[in-house]
Protein backbone atom coordinates (compact mmCIF):
# COMPACT_ATOMS: atom_id res chain seq x y z
CA MET A 1 33.09 150.98 26.62
CA GLU A 2 29.88 153.11 27.11
CA GLY A 3 29.17 151.35 30.35
CA THR A 4 32.72 151.93 31.58
CA PHE A 5 32.56 155.65 30.68
CA ALA A 6 29.31 155.88 32.70
CA LYS A 7 30.81 154.17 35.76
CA ASN A 8 34.07 156.16 35.51
CA PHE A 9 32.09 159.47 35.48
CA VAL A 10 29.97 158.53 38.45
CA THR A 11 33.03 157.77 40.32
CA LYS A 12 34.20 161.49 39.93
CA LEU A 13 31.02 162.28 41.85
CA ASN A 14 31.75 160.30 44.72
CA GLY A 15 31.37 162.28 47.83
CA LYS A 16 29.85 165.42 45.95
CA ILE A 17 26.36 164.03 45.81
CA SER A 18 24.41 161.45 47.98
CA ASP A 19 24.56 157.55 47.36
CA ASP A 20 20.84 157.69 46.26
CA ASN A 21 21.49 160.38 43.71
CA LEU A 22 24.80 158.49 42.54
CA LYS A 23 22.47 155.65 41.66
CA VAL A 24 19.99 157.98 39.48
CA VAL A 25 22.95 159.45 37.79
CA LEU A 26 24.47 156.03 36.81
CA GLN A 27 21.18 154.66 35.49
CA GLU A 28 20.42 157.74 33.56
CA LEU A 29 23.89 158.17 32.06
CA GLU A 30 24.15 154.29 31.12
CA ILE A 31 20.92 154.99 29.12
CA PHE A 32 22.03 158.11 27.48
CA VAL A 33 25.37 156.70 26.56
CA ASN A 34 23.92 153.95 24.35
CA ASP A 35 23.24 156.56 21.53
CA TYR A 36 27.16 157.21 21.29
CA SER A 37 30.18 155.35 20.54
CA ILE A 38 33.05 156.23 23.09
CA GLU A 39 36.48 155.15 22.76
CA ASN A 40 39.45 156.10 25.17
CA ARG A 41 41.93 158.63 23.98
CA ARG A 42 45.06 156.65 23.12
CA THR A 43 48.40 157.66 25.06
CA GLU A 44 51.72 156.15 25.53
CA LEU A 45 51.93 153.37 28.06
CA ILE A 46 53.67 154.12 31.36
CA SER A 47 55.41 151.78 33.62
CA TYR A 48 53.23 150.03 36.43
CA GLU A 49 55.58 150.57 39.17
CA ASN A 50 53.42 149.27 41.98
CA ILE A 51 50.28 151.31 41.45
CA ILE A 52 46.80 150.52 42.09
CA PRO A 53 44.77 149.59 38.84
CA HIS A 54 43.05 152.57 37.04
CA CYS A 55 39.70 150.67 37.37
CA TYR A 56 39.95 150.25 41.17
CA LYS A 57 37.96 153.34 41.98
CA VAL A 58 35.40 152.33 39.70
CA TYR A 59 35.11 149.01 41.30
CA MET A 60 34.75 150.37 44.86
CA ILE A 61 32.09 152.98 43.86
CA SER A 62 30.10 150.20 41.94
CA LYS A 63 30.17 148.12 45.19
CA LYS A 64 29.13 151.10 47.06
CA ILE A 65 26.13 151.50 44.82
CA GLU A 66 25.18 148.08 45.17
CA GLY A 67 24.70 148.51 49.00
CA LEU A 68 27.70 147.09 50.33
CA SER A 69 28.32 148.26 54.07
CA SER A 70 31.17 150.58 54.93
CA GLY A 71 32.72 148.00 56.96
CA THR A 72 32.71 145.43 54.11
CA LEU A 73 34.20 148.19 51.71
CA LYS A 74 36.97 148.80 54.27
CA ILE A 75 38.04 145.17 54.21
CA TYR A 76 37.94 144.79 50.43
CA ASP A 77 39.92 147.99 50.26
CA LEU A 78 42.47 146.66 52.82
CA TYR A 79 42.76 143.12 51.32
CA LEU A 80 42.96 144.46 47.55
CA LYS A 81 45.52 147.20 48.19
CA ASP A 82 47.84 144.56 49.89
CA PHE A 83 47.29 142.35 46.99
CA PHE A 84 48.24 145.14 44.36
CA SER A 85 51.33 146.35 46.50
CA HIS A 86 52.73 142.58 46.42
CA ILE A 87 51.73 141.66 42.83
CA GLU A 88 53.38 144.75 41.02
CA LYS A 89 51.99 143.76 37.71
CA PRO A 90 49.67 145.56 35.25
CA LEU A 91 46.06 143.99 35.67
CA GLU A 92 46.06 142.29 32.39
CA GLN A 93 49.36 140.39 33.17
CA ILE A 94 48.37 138.85 36.43
CA THR A 95 48.38 135.00 36.26
CA ALA A 96 46.87 132.31 38.46
CA ASN A 97 50.38 131.52 39.62
CA ASP A 98 50.99 135.18 40.70
CA ILE A 99 48.01 134.88 42.83
CA ARG A 100 48.96 131.42 44.34
CA ALA A 101 52.36 132.74 45.09
CA TYR A 102 50.75 135.72 46.80
CA LEU A 103 48.55 133.64 49.03
CA TYR A 104 51.29 131.30 49.87
CA GLN A 105 53.61 134.18 50.83
CA LEU A 106 50.78 135.92 52.50
CA GLN A 107 50.15 132.97 54.90
CA GLN A 108 53.73 132.51 55.65
CA ARG A 109 54.12 136.37 56.44
CA ARG A 110 51.04 136.72 58.66
CA LYS A 111 50.67 133.24 59.85
CA ILE A 112 46.88 133.34 59.24
CA SER A 113 44.50 130.43 58.95
CA ASN A 114 43.22 128.80 55.82
CA HIS A 115 39.88 130.17 56.70
CA SER A 116 41.25 133.63 56.63
CA LEU A 117 43.25 132.97 53.66
CA ASP A 118 40.33 131.69 51.65
CA GLY A 119 38.38 134.95 52.55
CA LYS A 120 41.19 136.90 50.97
CA ARG A 121 41.20 134.72 47.93
CA LEU A 122 37.50 135.24 47.66
CA VAL A 123 37.72 139.10 47.68
CA ILE A 124 40.60 138.92 44.86
CA ASN A 125 38.36 136.64 42.92
CA THR A 126 35.34 138.92 43.18
CA PHE A 127 37.37 142.01 42.12
CA LEU A 128 38.91 140.15 39.14
CA GLU A 129 35.54 138.51 37.90
CA TRP A 130 34.14 142.24 37.85
CA CYS A 131 37.11 143.26 35.90
CA LYS A 132 36.38 140.54 33.38
CA ASN A 133 32.61 141.43 33.24
CA GLU A 134 33.54 145.08 32.84
CA GLU A 135 36.08 144.15 29.94
CA TYR A 136 39.04 145.52 31.68
CA ILE A 137 40.66 142.12 31.30
CA SER A 138 39.81 139.15 28.87
CA LYS A 139 39.66 136.53 31.71
CA ASN A 140 39.86 136.10 35.40
CA PRO A 141 43.02 133.95 36.36
CA CYS A 142 41.70 133.52 39.96
CA LYS A 143 39.08 131.12 38.44
CA GLN A 144 41.71 128.55 38.04
CA ILE A 145 42.43 128.53 41.75
CA GLN A 146 40.22 126.28 43.97
CA PRO A 147 38.60 127.32 47.17
CA ILE A 148 41.06 126.78 50.12
CA ARG A 149 39.91 123.94 52.34
CA PHE A 150 39.54 124.68 56.13
CA GLU A 151 38.17 123.14 59.10
CA GLU A 152 34.70 124.57 59.78
CA LYS A 153 34.74 124.91 63.69
CA PRO A 154 31.25 124.04 64.99
CA ARG A 155 29.35 127.16 66.33
CA GLU A 156 28.07 126.41 69.74
CA PRO A 157 25.16 128.57 71.10
CA LEU A 158 24.77 129.64 74.52
CA SER A 159 22.99 126.93 76.72
CA ASP A 160 19.82 127.85 78.68
CA ILE A 161 22.17 127.94 81.76
CA GLU A 162 24.84 130.27 80.06
CA LEU A 163 21.99 132.55 78.74
CA GLU A 164 20.76 132.91 82.38
CA LEU A 165 24.06 133.59 83.56
CA VAL A 166 24.52 136.34 81.08
CA ARG A 167 21.21 137.87 82.31
CA TYR A 168 22.54 137.74 85.74
CA GLY A 169 25.88 139.28 84.52
CA CYS A 170 24.00 142.64 83.66
CA LYS A 171 24.80 145.40 86.02
CA THR A 172 22.69 148.05 84.65
CA TYR A 173 19.50 148.68 82.96
CA ARG A 174 21.34 149.42 79.64
CA ASP A 175 23.26 145.98 79.88
CA LYS A 176 20.02 144.20 80.35
CA ALA A 177 18.15 146.22 77.43
CA ILE A 178 21.10 145.17 75.24
CA ILE A 179 21.15 141.55 75.92
CA GLU A 180 17.32 141.17 75.82
CA LEU A 181 17.23 143.05 72.63
CA PHE A 182 19.86 140.98 70.83
CA TYR A 183 18.28 137.75 72.00
CA SER A 184 14.80 138.78 71.23
CA THR A 185 15.35 140.20 67.69
CA GLY A 186 18.29 138.11 66.47
CA CYS A 187 19.63 141.67 65.31
CA ARG A 188 23.22 142.25 64.04
CA VAL A 189 25.33 144.78 65.98
CA SER A 190 25.39 146.98 63.03
CA GLU A 191 21.60 147.08 63.08
CA MET A 192 21.57 147.69 66.95
CA VAL A 193 23.78 150.55 66.26
CA ASN A 194 21.27 152.21 63.94
CA LEU A 195 18.22 151.71 66.17
CA ASN A 196 16.27 155.07 67.36
CA LYS A 197 13.61 155.01 70.05
CA GLY A 198 10.92 155.48 67.41
CA ASP A 199 11.91 152.32 65.68
CA ILE A 200 10.44 150.22 68.60
CA ASP A 201 6.65 149.83 68.50
CA PHE A 202 5.65 148.39 71.85
CA ASP A 203 1.88 148.19 70.71
CA THR A 204 2.64 145.72 68.03
CA GLY A 205 5.95 144.48 69.41
CA GLU A 206 7.73 145.35 66.09
CA VAL A 207 11.35 146.49 65.76
CA HIS A 208 12.15 148.19 62.56
CA LEU A 209 15.86 147.36 61.91
CA PHE A 210 18.31 148.86 59.17
CA GLY A 211 21.67 147.57 58.45
CA LYS A 212 23.61 145.11 56.13
CA GLY A 213 23.12 145.81 52.58
CA SER A 214 21.12 149.07 53.34
CA LYS A 215 18.09 146.83 53.82
CA HIS A 216 15.14 147.41 56.14
CA ARG A 217 13.46 144.41 58.01
CA ILE A 218 11.16 143.76 60.93
CA SER A 219 11.86 141.78 64.05
CA TYR A 220 10.05 141.50 67.25
CA VAL A 221 10.44 142.29 71.10
CA ASN A 222 9.35 139.78 73.62
CA ALA A 223 7.99 140.31 77.10
CA LYS A 224 11.63 140.30 78.69
CA ALA A 225 12.99 142.62 75.97
CA GLU A 226 9.98 144.95 76.36
CA VAL A 227 10.40 145.24 80.13
CA ALA A 228 14.15 145.77 79.97
CA LEU A 229 13.89 148.44 77.24
CA LYS A 230 11.00 150.30 79.06
CA ARG A 231 13.01 150.30 82.40
CA TYR A 232 16.15 151.41 80.56
CA LEU A 233 14.37 154.27 78.65
CA ALA A 234 12.57 155.41 81.71
CA ALA A 235 15.87 155.80 83.57
CA ARG A 236 17.54 157.80 80.72
CA LYS A 237 18.41 161.46 81.52
CA ASP A 238 19.04 162.65 77.92
CA ASN A 239 16.93 163.63 74.80
CA ASN A 240 19.09 161.78 72.11
CA GLN A 241 16.72 159.86 69.87
CA ALA A 242 19.27 156.89 69.56
CA LEU A 243 17.95 153.72 71.34
CA ILE A 244 21.34 152.77 73.00
CA VAL A 245 23.68 155.51 74.17
CA SER A 246 26.72 156.05 76.25
CA GLU A 247 26.35 156.01 80.18
CA ARG A 248 27.92 159.42 80.54
CA ALA A 249 27.27 162.90 79.07
CA PRO A 250 26.94 163.93 76.40
CA TYR A 251 25.06 160.54 76.13
CA GLN A 252 26.15 159.92 72.30
CA ARG A 253 24.84 156.99 70.37
CA LEU A 254 26.81 153.88 71.23
CA SER A 255 29.07 152.71 68.44
CA LYS A 256 29.74 149.44 67.05
CA THR A 257 33.01 149.19 69.22
CA GLY A 258 31.22 150.42 72.28
CA ILE A 259 28.29 147.75 71.99
CA GLU A 260 30.89 145.00 71.37
CA ARG A 261 32.84 146.13 74.59
CA ALA A 262 29.68 146.32 76.73
CA ILE A 263 28.82 142.75 75.66
CA ARG A 264 32.41 141.45 76.34
CA ILE A 265 32.18 143.06 79.86
CA ILE A 266 28.91 141.41 80.57
CA GLY A 267 30.33 138.06 79.47
CA GLU A 268 33.09 138.48 81.93
CA HIS A 269 30.61 139.25 84.75
CA SER A 270 28.69 136.39 84.00
CA LYS A 271 31.64 133.80 84.31
CA ILE A 272 30.33 131.48 81.55
CA GLY A 273 33.81 130.45 80.76
CA ARG A 274 34.15 131.81 77.22
CA ASN A 275 34.01 135.00 75.36
CA LEU A 276 30.48 136.58 74.86
CA TYR A 277 29.99 138.71 71.68
CA PRO A 278 26.94 140.06 69.76
CA HIS A 279 26.91 137.28 67.04
CA LEU A 280 26.95 134.55 69.74
CA ILE A 281 23.67 135.73 70.84
CA ARG A 282 22.26 136.09 67.45
CA HIS A 283 23.31 132.46 66.75
CA THR A 284 21.72 131.59 70.13
CA THR A 285 18.43 133.17 68.99
CA ALA A 286 18.22 131.30 65.54
CA THR A 287 19.14 127.78 67.32
CA ASP A 288 16.53 128.10 70.17
CA ALA A 289 14.03 129.27 67.65
CA LEU A 290 14.63 126.26 65.48
CA ASN A 291 14.97 123.76 68.48
CA ARG A 292 11.63 124.97 69.73
CA GLY A 293 9.69 124.41 66.63
CA MET A 294 9.84 127.64 64.52
CA ASN A 295 9.70 127.17 60.84
CA VAL A 296 13.10 127.52 59.28
CA THR A 297 11.86 130.02 56.68
CA GLU A 298 10.56 132.16 59.57
CA VAL A 299 13.85 132.17 61.25
CA GLN A 300 15.29 133.07 58.05
CA LYS A 301 13.20 136.29 58.14
CA ILE A 302 13.84 137.14 61.47
CA LEU A 303 17.62 137.12 60.95
CA GLY A 304 17.51 138.82 57.47
CA HIS A 305 19.32 136.12 55.53
CA GLU A 306 18.70 136.15 51.68
CA LYS A 307 19.59 132.49 51.34
CA LEU A 308 17.95 129.70 53.49
CA ASP A 309 21.54 127.92 53.51
CA THR A 310 22.91 130.69 55.54
CA THR A 311 20.22 130.31 58.13
CA MET A 312 21.15 126.64 58.55
CA ILE A 313 24.64 127.34 59.09
CA TYR A 314 23.98 129.91 61.62
CA ALA A 315 21.18 127.86 63.28
CA LYS A 316 22.22 124.39 63.43
CA VAL A 317 19.55 122.17 64.78
CA SER A 318 20.92 120.12 67.62
CA GLN A 319 21.54 116.40 67.29
CA GLU A 320 19.60 115.69 70.59
CA ASN A 321 16.63 117.35 68.94
CA VAL A 322 16.92 115.36 65.83
CA ARG A 323 17.35 112.02 68.15
CA TYR A 324 14.13 113.02 69.89
CA ASN A 325 11.91 113.67 66.91
CA HIS A 326 13.19 110.49 65.33
CA LYS A 327 11.87 108.42 68.14
CA ARG A 328 8.48 110.48 68.06
CA TYR A 329 7.81 110.39 64.46
CA ILE A 330 9.64 107.34 63.07
CA VAL A 331 7.90 104.38 64.72
């Protein structure tokens, strides 16, 4: 109960102090309340009436303190509020069958794939597991529900020809800089949005990235990226410290949506016959690095993956490369 009190208190401070200060207050308060016994004041029960559980705000603040991105938090909020609005039960009365019925009805209502449905199941399970660990409920009913099977579509990176066509599809210095920077660093679109001019060190080739999970990491620019970036920066007519800005005054930092739109238009100009998006370029970087002999742990570091398994999913070694090396090494 003491830990719950601390988290509830910190929830009240959300938006009033910085995230870093929220973490400090939570840490100090959790230590302080250990010397006290705290109990909830008893009140009469009220009907549930399709309301969000009282611990929900505490949960979202906890995830924010843990470093989840604003985009991930929005997805959690969207999925869980839809879940609450259709279950219409107090938290402690939710059963595995309630969740199964919700997931079935959700798929019928939205016509979503099994892949998307399992993503929603995972978010519900994460929330209920947290509730159990924080002693809001005695058990997690979602634990009884097995992951929903779906067919994983193979991720196909850009071929060498497609990548060159994408380069030819760039119409401006900015287009070229965006494509070469994505390919050279393997960065996420959120990391590119956060980049400032000062984050590029042309002397060392280092790019200081900040993004997912509020984490910093270093990647590198190759010769093509360096030339493209220097040409783009030399042609700029603004004083904005953002690395990638809009093409018209007042030259604001380009948003995630703006970068995705620019990539999509470049893809259309390139005529590669499929959609172009930032993550496809990141996947191409990883696959090319592995196929050309880079150590998988080094690729993991460039991509900023915590788990090696994730790197292998994003950067599948081509079967052709396996066949070649089999003939080369197994004789």
